[in-house]
Amino acid sequence: MKVTYRTADDRERTVRCDAYEEFETELVCYDAEDEPIATIPRERVVSVLAESY
């Protein structure tokens, strides 16, 4: 899946995740080995899109 969010300087950035977990204040993206690769404040998340193969 792809998570798009706004950075501190208001640019959009997309990170590719194998899984993610939503919490009250943040979204955490994980790689295929279940290691966290990004922690994004929820107010900065623009979209979460599932990729089809």
Protein backbone atom coordinates (compact mmCIF):
# COMPACT_ATOMS: atom_id res chain seq x y z
CA MET A 1 0.00 0.00 0.00
CA LYS A 2 0.99 3.61 -0.38
CA VAL A 3 0.63 6.23 2.32
CA THR A 4 0.83 9.85 1.17
CA TYR A 5 1.42 12.58 3.74
CA ARG A 6 2.52 16.19 4.05
CA THR A 7 6.00 16.87 5.38
CA ALA A 8 6.84 19.68 7.83
CA ASP A 9 7.67 21.95 4.87
CA ASP A 10 4.23 21.18 3.33
CA ARG A 11 5.42 18.88 0.55
CA GLU A 12 3.63 15.65 -0.28
CA ARG A 13 5.62 12.46 0.18
CA THR A 14 4.59 8.86 -0.44
CA VAL A 15 5.94 5.85 1.41
CA ARG A 16 5.28 2.24 0.38
CA CYS A 17 4.22 -0.04 3.26
CA ASP A 18 3.53 -3.75 3.47
CA ALA A 19 1.25 -3.12 6.45
CA TYR A 20 0.20 -0.23 8.65
CA GLU A 21 -1.35 0.33 12.03
CA GLU A 22 -3.48 3.32 12.99
CA PHE A 23 -3.31 4.86 16.43
CA GLU A 24 -5.10 7.85 17.91
CA THR A 25 -2.37 10.33 16.97
CA GLU A 26 -0.24 8.54 14.36
CA LEU A 27 -0.03 5.95 11.63
CA VAL A 28 2.90 3.50 11.61
CA CYS A 29 4.04 1.81 8.36
CA TYR A 30 5.79 -1.54 8.41
CA ASP A 31 7.97 -3.36 5.87
CA ALA A 32 7.66 -7.04 4.89
CA GLU A 33 9.62 -8.09 8.01
CA ASP A 34 7.18 -6.16 10.27
CA GLU A 35 9.83 -3.55 11.06
CA PRO A 36 8.50 0.02 11.40
CA ILE A 37 9.69 2.18 8.51
CA ALA A 38 7.67 5.38 9.07
CA THR A 39 5.64 7.02 11.82
CA ILE A 40 3.36 9.74 10.48
CA PRO A 41 1.19 12.10 12.55
CA ARG A 42 -2.45 11.47 11.61
CA GLU A 43 -3.11 15.14 10.82
CA ARG A 44 -0.45 14.95 8.08
CA VAL A 45 -1.83 11.84 6.33
CA VAL A 46 -3.34 12.71 2.94
CA SER A 47 -4.32 9.22 1.74
CA VAL A 48 -3.83 5.49 2.24
CA LEU A 49 -4.15 3.50 -0.98
CA ALA A 50 -4.10 -0.27 -1.40
CA GLU A 51 -2.11 -1.44 -4.39
CA SER A 52 -3.52 -4.17 -6.61
CA TYR A 53 -1.20 -6.64 -8.29
